[in-house]
Amino acid sequence: MAGFRAFAAQVRDPRLLATRRRTALRKCLERFAPYGHRATWHHLCTRAGIAPQDRDPDPARLLAALAELEEARALWLAYEAECVARRRREKRDGIRQPGALDAWHRRTWGGCEIVPCAAPHRHPAAPLTAVLRTVIAAMESGRLRHDCPVCGSTRFRPLTDPDRRAAGPVCADCGVITPAALLTRETLAAARREASPAGAGTVAPAGAAAGSGARFGASMAA
């Protein structure tokens, strides 16, 4: 089975039709998709100026989207290598019991859904690398917080999917599922109280992020 780099080479190949190069970029997301496949695709299209449903996009825009994805992947792979080296040192020093940070690493290993988004059309507007650096720093700090590590919002909603609810609440401004291990008990309890019969886990309406002073803001479909 072809890997990320093989599909990335197809995206760059000028001999291929734009439709096939677009398909190759989508295949890259099966190997690395920090927000999840659909949300990462929408994010890349938004930032590169591609209509998500455009089957024949401008190849230059495809290359721009690939460049952002590759930069983020390089950052994440370097971080994973550091994590492996750290765990080896800890085991050598007799620290065998994994912590909350290691549990997060196991769930996100390989780079899929590192910072999952509850809805594919709602995600941070900043470059993927900037968001990953912020989340990694927050996880590494080990400090419990009352705000979203991505945008700084203090407004959260619980997920509607019971199978994913334990992962953490949804930031109502930037749309990411904030790791529960990062938030205080009070913040998690407040998020649960936000549940409503109309649909817990939904994110804020358009324009909400603009009024929150969000660090990275959110990107939404027009």
Protein backbone atom coordinates (compact mmCIF):
# COMPACT_ATOMS: atom_id res chain seq x y z
CA MET A 1 0.00 0.00 0.00
CA ALA A 2 1.34 3.42 -0.94
CA GLY A 3 2.34 5.76 1.85
CA PHE A 4 2.10 9.49 2.44
CA ARG A 5 5.24 10.37 0.50
CA ALA A 6 4.16 8.36 -2.55
CA PHE A 7 0.84 10.18 -2.70
CA ALA A 8 2.56 13.51 -2.09
CA ALA A 9 4.77 12.80 -5.12
CA GLN A 10 1.62 12.28 -7.20
CA VAL A 11 0.25 15.64 -6.06
CA ARG A 12 3.48 17.24 -7.34
CA ASP A 13 3.58 15.33 -10.62
CA PRO A 14 2.76 17.84 -13.43
CA ARG A 15 2.15 14.96 -15.84
CA LEU A 16 -0.99 13.94 -13.97
CA LEU A 17 -4.40 15.49 -14.45
CA ALA A 18 -5.54 17.87 -11.72
CA THR A 19 -8.34 15.46 -10.82
CA ARG A 20 -5.86 12.68 -10.06
CA ARG A 21 -3.58 15.05 -8.16
CA ARG A 22 -6.57 16.10 -6.06
CA THR A 23 -7.34 12.44 -5.33
CA ALA A 24 -3.72 11.91 -4.28
CA LEU A 25 -3.99 14.79 -1.82
CA ARG A 26 -7.11 13.22 -0.33
CA LYS A 27 -5.16 9.96 -0.03
CA CYS A 28 -2.48 11.82 1.92
CA LEU A 29 -5.16 12.60 4.49
CA GLU A 30 -5.70 8.89 5.06
CA ARG A 31 -2.15 8.86 6.44
CA PHE A 32 -2.06 12.21 8.22
CA ALA A 33 -5.09 14.31 9.15
CA PRO A 34 -4.72 16.31 12.38
CA TYR A 35 -8.37 17.43 12.48
CA GLY A 36 -9.75 14.19 11.05
CA HIS A 37 -10.08 13.50 7.33
CA ARG A 38 -13.02 15.73 6.43
CA ALA A 39 -12.15 18.66 8.69
CA THR A 40 -8.50 18.65 7.58
CA TRP A 41 -9.58 18.59 3.93
CA HIS A 42 -11.93 21.52 4.47
CA HIS A 43 -9.19 23.40 6.33
CA LEU A 44 -6.64 22.90 3.55
CA CYS A 45 -9.14 23.89 0.88
CA THR A 46 -10.11 27.02 2.78
CA ARG A 47 -6.55 28.18 3.25
CA ALA A 48 -5.46 27.31 -0.32
CA GLY A 49 -8.54 28.84 -1.96
CA ILE A 50 -9.94 25.56 -3.29
CA ALA A 51 -13.66 24.81 -3.37
CA PRO A 52 -13.90 21.51 -1.44
CA GLN A 53 -16.10 19.94 -4.13
CA ASP A 54 -14.03 21.21 -7.07
CA ARG A 55 -12.90 18.11 -9.00
CA ASP A 56 -10.50 20.06 -11.22
CA PRO A 57 -8.70 22.53 -8.95
CA ASP A 58 -5.77 24.76 -9.80
CA PRO A 59 -2.63 22.58 -9.38
CA ALA A 60 -0.79 25.50 -7.76
CA ARG A 61 -3.41 25.60 -5.03
CA LEU A 62 -3.10 21.85 -4.53
CA LEU A 63 0.63 22.31 -4.04
CA ALA A 64 0.01 25.06 -1.49
CA ALA A 65 -2.31 22.76 0.46
CA LEU A 66 0.22 19.94 0.29
CA ALA A 67 3.00 22.22 1.55
CA GLU A 68 0.98 23.11 4.65
CA LEU A 69 0.15 19.45 5.29
CA GLU A 70 3.76 18.33 4.87
CA GLU A 71 5.05 21.03 7.21
CA ALA A 72 2.62 19.91 9.90
CA ARG A 73 3.47 16.25 9.34
CA ALA A 74 7.21 16.94 9.67
CA LEU A 75 6.57 18.70 12.99
CA TRP A 76 4.45 15.82 14.27
CA LEU A 77 6.85 13.07 13.21
CA ALA A 78 9.70 14.90 14.96
CA TYR A 79 7.56 15.13 18.08
CA GLU A 80 6.71 11.43 17.94
CA ALA A 81 10.42 10.61 17.69
CA GLU A 82 11.05 12.74 20.78
CA CYS A 83 8.27 10.90 22.61
CA VAL A 84 9.80 7.51 21.80
CA ALA A 85 13.20 8.67 23.04
CA ARG A 86 11.65 10.06 26.24
CA ARG A 87 9.80 6.84 27.04
CA ARG A 88 12.98 4.83 26.53
CA ARG A 89 14.79 7.08 29.00
CA GLU A 90 11.94 6.78 31.50
CA LYS A 91 11.87 3.00 31.28
CA ARG A 92 15.62 2.91 31.70
CA ASP A 93 15.17 5.02 34.83
CA GLY A 94 12.49 2.66 36.17
CA ILE A 95 9.43 4.75 35.27
CA ARG A 96 7.13 2.11 33.80
CA GLN A 97 3.66 3.50 34.44
CA PRO A 98 2.48 5.63 31.50
CA GLY A 99 0.75 8.91 32.28
CA ALA A 100 -2.02 10.99 30.71
CA LEU A 101 0.41 12.35 28.12
CA ASP A 102 1.27 8.82 26.99
CA ALA A 103 -2.41 7.93 26.70
CA TRP A 104 -2.86 10.94 24.40
CA HIS A 105 0.14 9.81 22.34
CA ARG A 106 -1.38 6.36 21.86
CA ARG A 107 -4.67 7.83 20.63
CA THR A 108 -2.99 10.23 18.21
CA TRP A 109 -0.05 8.10 17.03
CA GLY A 110 0.51 8.42 13.32
CA GLY A 111 -1.10 11.83 13.09
CA CYS A 112 -4.82 11.18 12.60
CA GLU A 113 -7.21 13.20 14.76
CA ILE A 114 -4.49 14.83 16.85
CA VAL A 115 -6.82 17.78 17.37
CA PRO A 116 -10.15 16.36 16.14
CA CYS A 117 -12.94 18.71 15.18
CA ALA A 118 -16.55 17.90 16.00
CA ALA A 119 -17.82 19.26 12.67
CA PRO A 120 -15.90 19.12 9.36
CA HIS A 121 -16.73 22.73 8.46
CA ARG A 122 -15.68 24.23 11.79
CA HIS A 123 -11.97 24.28 12.58
CA PRO A 124 -9.17 26.70 13.58
CA ALA A 125 -8.22 29.19 10.88
CA ALA A 126 -4.49 29.21 11.68
CA PRO A 127 -1.94 27.01 9.85
CA LEU A 128 -1.87 23.40 11.01
CA THR A 129 1.68 23.75 12.31
CA ALA A 130 0.76 26.66 14.57
CA VAL A 131 -2.16 24.75 16.06
CA LEU A 132 -0.12 21.58 16.60
CA ARG A 133 2.66 23.50 18.33
CA THR A 134 0.14 25.09 20.67
CA VAL A 135 -1.56 21.80 21.55
CA ILE A 136 1.75 19.97 22.02
CA ALA A 137 2.98 22.71 24.35
CA ALA A 138 -0.26 22.54 26.35
CA MET A 139 -0.08 18.76 26.69
CA GLU A 140 3.60 18.81 27.62
CA SER A 141 3.06 21.45 30.30
CA GLY A 142 0.81 19.14 32.32
CA ARG A 143 -1.08 22.18 33.61
CA LEU A 144 -4.84 21.87 33.94
CA ARG A 145 -6.65 24.80 32.39
CA HIS A 146 -10.07 26.34 32.06
CA ASP A 147 -9.72 27.46 28.44
CA CYS A 148 -9.21 25.96 24.99
CA PRO A 149 -5.48 25.54 24.27
CA VAL A 150 -6.04 26.45 20.62
CA CYS A 151 -8.10 29.64 20.77
CA GLY A 152 -8.33 30.57 24.45
CA SER A 153 -12.13 30.37 24.59
CA THR A 154 -13.76 29.31 27.84
CA ARG A 155 -16.99 28.16 26.19
CA PHE A 156 -17.40 24.41 25.77
CA ARG A 157 -20.16 22.02 24.74
CA PRO A 158 -20.33 18.26 25.36
CA LEU A 159 -20.07 15.88 22.42
CA THR A 160 -23.30 14.20 21.36
CA ASP A 161 -21.53 10.96 20.39
CA PRO A 162 -21.38 8.86 23.59
CA ASP A 163 -18.51 6.80 22.20
CA ARG A 164 -16.32 9.92 21.87
CA ARG A 165 -17.58 11.97 24.81
CA ALA A 166 -14.77 10.83 27.11
CA ALA A 167 -12.24 12.45 24.76
CA GLY A 168 -13.30 15.89 25.95
CA PRO A 169 -15.75 18.71 25.26
CA VAL A 170 -16.03 20.76 22.07
CA CYS A 171 -14.72 24.31 22.04
CA ALA A 172 -17.71 26.42 21.06
CA ASP A 173 -15.53 28.92 19.22
CA CYS A 174 -12.87 27.06 17.19
CA GLY A 175 -14.63 23.67 17.07
CA VAL A 176 -11.85 21.39 18.33
CA ILE A 177 -12.47 18.57 20.76
CA THR A 178 -10.34 19.66 23.69
CA PRO A 179 -8.55 16.76 25.45
CA ALA A 180 -10.22 16.12 28.79
CA ALA A 181 -6.78 15.59 30.33
CA LEU A 182 -6.07 19.30 29.78
CA LEU A 183 -9.12 20.73 31.54
CA THR A 184 -9.97 21.25 35.19
CA ARG A 185 -12.80 19.30 36.80
CA GLU A 186 -14.79 22.50 37.11
CA THR A 187 -14.44 23.21 33.39
CA LEU A 188 -15.51 19.68 32.45
CA ALA A 189 -18.49 19.89 34.79
CA ALA A 190 -19.52 23.24 33.33
CA ALA A 191 -19.32 21.78 29.81
CA ARG A 192 -21.61 18.92 30.81
CA ARG A 193 -24.14 21.42 32.18
CA GLU A 194 -24.28 23.05 28.74
CA ALA A 195 -26.09 19.97 27.37
CA SER A 196 -29.54 20.77 26.05
CA PRO A 197 -32.36 18.76 24.39
CA ALA A 198 -31.85 20.82 21.23
CA GLY A 199 -28.53 19.12 20.62
CA ALA A 200 -25.59 19.05 22.98
CA GLY A 201 -22.23 19.14 21.33
CA THR A 202 -23.18 21.61 18.64
CA VAL A 203 -20.77 24.44 18.14
CA ALA A 204 -21.47 28.14 18.26
CA PRO A 205 -23.18 29.84 15.33
CA ALA A 206 -21.29 31.76 12.70
CA GLY A 207 -19.58 34.83 14.08
CA ALA A 208 -19.21 33.54 17.64
CA ALA A 209 -15.44 33.30 17.43
CA ALA A 210 -15.10 36.94 16.46
CA GLY A 211 -16.51 38.06 19.79
CA SER A 212 -14.41 35.75 21.97
CA GLY A 213 -10.97 37.24 21.42
CA ALA A 214 -9.94 33.84 20.09
CA ARG A 215 -6.22 33.27 19.57
CA PHE A 216 -6.54 31.43 16.27
CA GLY A 217 -10.21 31.99 15.46
CA ALA A 218 -12.25 29.56 13.43
CA SER A 219 -12.85 28.83 9.80
CA MET A 220 -16.33 28.00 8.58
CA ALA A 221 -18.07 27.26 5.35
CA ALA A 222 -19.59 30.24 3.61
